[in-house]
Amino acid sequence: MVSERLKKQIEFIVEIDKVKQIARQNYVTGGERRETDAEHSWHLAVMALLLAEYASGPADMIKTLKMVLIHDLVEIDAGDTYCFDEQAVKTQKKREETAANRIFGLLPADQARDFRAVWEEFEAGLTMEARLAAALDRLQPLLLHYHTAGRSWREHGITSSKVKERNRLTRELSPQICELVEDVIERAVQKGYLAE
């Protein structure tokens, strides 16, 4: 007989498949469609494995990977909040808290507490793992925006000052990543992908 614990875990696994349907604002490279949250999370996990060496201090890779893989699961209920949509950002925290209660609540109690704690740590942004995950969460769309000729930036009238502010976390994380971000933004402005 299947245990209650396994039933809950499978229910969660099936539920989070919905993250594959949550469209983000940026486009995938070489394509005409928007990226999904699932694709974004996978991309962040690979980036964390490759770029952790540039963090200003040691980070627990398992915890960082957990963060990047689960940080957007709340968007199954809350929807993707475009970071430059000031009105949506005002209600984001409440919508995501409600979503976290339901989605993580599907898990057995110990795993629900663990996933919720990791998600809250990411949201607080105080640990090295959370800072690394958050910096990568900003770098990844920046790279996609640049490599799609700024399509989404242009659609939304985004300026370089907004993009610089959004990526300021990289200064705390890594001088090398910060230099990369500044270079990408400068080249995007020069090429007309991003308004000054």
Foldseek 3Di string as FASTA:
>chain_A
DDDPQVVLVVVLVVLLVLQQVFFDLFCAFPDDGGHGLQNQLVVLLVCCVVPQVQFPDHDDSVLLNLCSRCLCSLCSFLGDDHPPPVVSVVCNVVSSVVSLCPSLVSHPPVSSVVSVVSNVCLVVQDDSSNLSSQLSSLVVRLVRCLSVLLVSCVVVVAALVVSCVSNVSVVNTGPVVNVVSVVSSVVSCVSVSHHD
